[in-house]
Structures are given as structure tokens and as C-alpha cells.
Amino acid sequence: MAEDILTQRELKRILRYDKETGLFIRKKATCNSVNIGDIAGGVKSNGYVYISVKGKEYSAHRLAFLYVFGVFA
């Protein structure tokens, strides 16, 4: 199931991360309701931002770590 694991390379192909603002911006339209340039994610009731990537939901802070360091924290 290695193809199910999100890699830094795949993440960077789909999203751009702005270290200054902490925002992820869509680089690829992945469905009809998502456009290139959209801010990715939304805040859940627990206060954390979650982003859907390849059909799976990830917390934004974990994606930021993967984006910068290449591994999940």
C-alpha cells in the first residue's frame, strides 16, 4: 500500500505552502468545487485546520511539517 502514503513530492505538486502565513494554496484543481489558487482547508470544531488531499483528511500542521521536512511528525 505504499501508493496510499502521501509524499512530500506529491504534496508539493498539489499545494503550495506559505511559511509566513501558514496557508496552503491549491496548485491543482482536484474536483469541481476546488479551484487553482483557492486556500486549502477549513477549521474544525476542535480548532485545528484540516485539508483534504487525495481523498484523505490531514491536519494542516502535519502537512506543513511534511512539506518542509519531508516526513510526517
Protein backbone atom coordinates (compact mmCIF):
# COMPACT_ATOMS: atom_id res chain seq x y z
CA MET A 1 0.00 0.00 0.00
CA ALA A 2 2.93 2.36 -0.47
CA GLU A 3 0.95 4.25 -3.12
CA ASP A 4 -1.51 5.37 -0.41
CA ILE A 5 1.18 7.22 1.55
CA LEU A 6 1.31 10.93 0.82
CA THR A 7 4.82 12.05 -0.05
CA GLN A 8 6.41 15.48 0.08
CA ARG A 9 6.74 15.41 -3.70
CA GLU A 10 3.03 14.69 -4.22
CA LEU A 11 2.04 17.31 -1.64
CA LYS A 12 4.16 19.95 -3.37
CA ARG A 13 2.57 19.02 -6.70
CA ILE A 14 -0.92 19.70 -5.31
CA LEU A 15 -0.38 22.51 -2.77
CA ARG A 16 1.89 25.48 -2.17
CA TYR A 17 2.74 26.30 1.45
CA ASP A 18 3.40 29.87 2.57
CA LYS A 19 5.64 29.70 5.65
CA GLU A 20 4.90 33.33 6.53
CA THR A 21 1.11 32.96 6.69
CA GLY A 22 0.83 29.23 7.34
CA LEU A 23 -1.65 28.91 4.47
CA PHE A 24 -1.79 26.19 1.86
CA ILE A 25 -2.83 27.29 -1.63
CA ARG A 26 -4.18 24.87 -4.25
CA LYS A 27 -1.89 24.41 -7.25
CA LYS A 28 -4.16 21.83 -8.84
CA ALA A 29 -7.95 21.62 -9.19
CA THR A 30 -8.72 18.20 -7.73
CA CYS A 31 -12.52 18.31 -8.10
CA ASN A 32 -15.30 20.60 -9.36
CA SER A 33 -15.52 22.57 -6.10
CA VAL A 34 -11.76 23.21 -5.85
CA ASN A 35 -10.00 25.81 -7.99
CA ILE A 36 -6.35 26.64 -8.54
CA GLY A 37 -5.44 29.48 -6.17
CA ASP A 38 -8.01 28.54 -3.50
CA ILE A 39 -6.90 28.48 0.11
CA ALA A 40 -7.00 24.85 1.16
CA GLY A 41 -8.67 23.54 4.28
CA GLY A 42 -11.07 24.60 6.94
CA VAL A 43 -11.24 24.90 10.71
CA LYS A 44 -12.95 22.03 12.54
CA SER A 45 -14.77 22.30 15.87
CA ASN A 46 -11.56 21.30 17.70
CA GLY A 47 -9.88 24.48 16.39
CA TYR A 48 -7.46 22.72 14.05
CA VAL A 49 -7.28 23.31 10.29
CA TYR A 50 -7.77 20.19 8.19
CA ILE A 51 -7.04 19.77 4.49
CA SER A 52 -8.28 17.03 2.20
CA VAL A 53 -5.58 15.61 -0.07
CA LYS A 54 -6.18 12.64 -2.36
CA GLY A 55 -9.41 11.75 -0.56
CA LYS A 56 -7.90 11.76 2.94
CA GLU A 57 -8.11 14.48 5.57
CA TYR A 58 -4.89 15.72 7.21
CA SER A 59 -4.26 18.34 9.86
CA ALA A 60 -2.56 21.37 8.31
CA HIS A 61 0.26 21.42 10.85
CA ARG A 62 1.22 17.85 9.92
CA LEU A 63 1.13 18.73 6.22
CA ALA A 64 3.33 21.76 6.90
CA PHE A 65 5.90 19.51 8.58
CA LEU A 66 5.80 17.08 5.64
CA TYR A 67 6.10 19.97 3.18
CA VAL A 68 9.16 21.45 4.87
CA PHE A 69 10.98 18.39 6.24
CA GLY A 70 9.80 15.54 4.01
CA VAL A 71 8.36 13.35 6.77
CA PHE A 72 5.24 13.33 8.91
CA ALA A 73 5.70 14.49 12.50
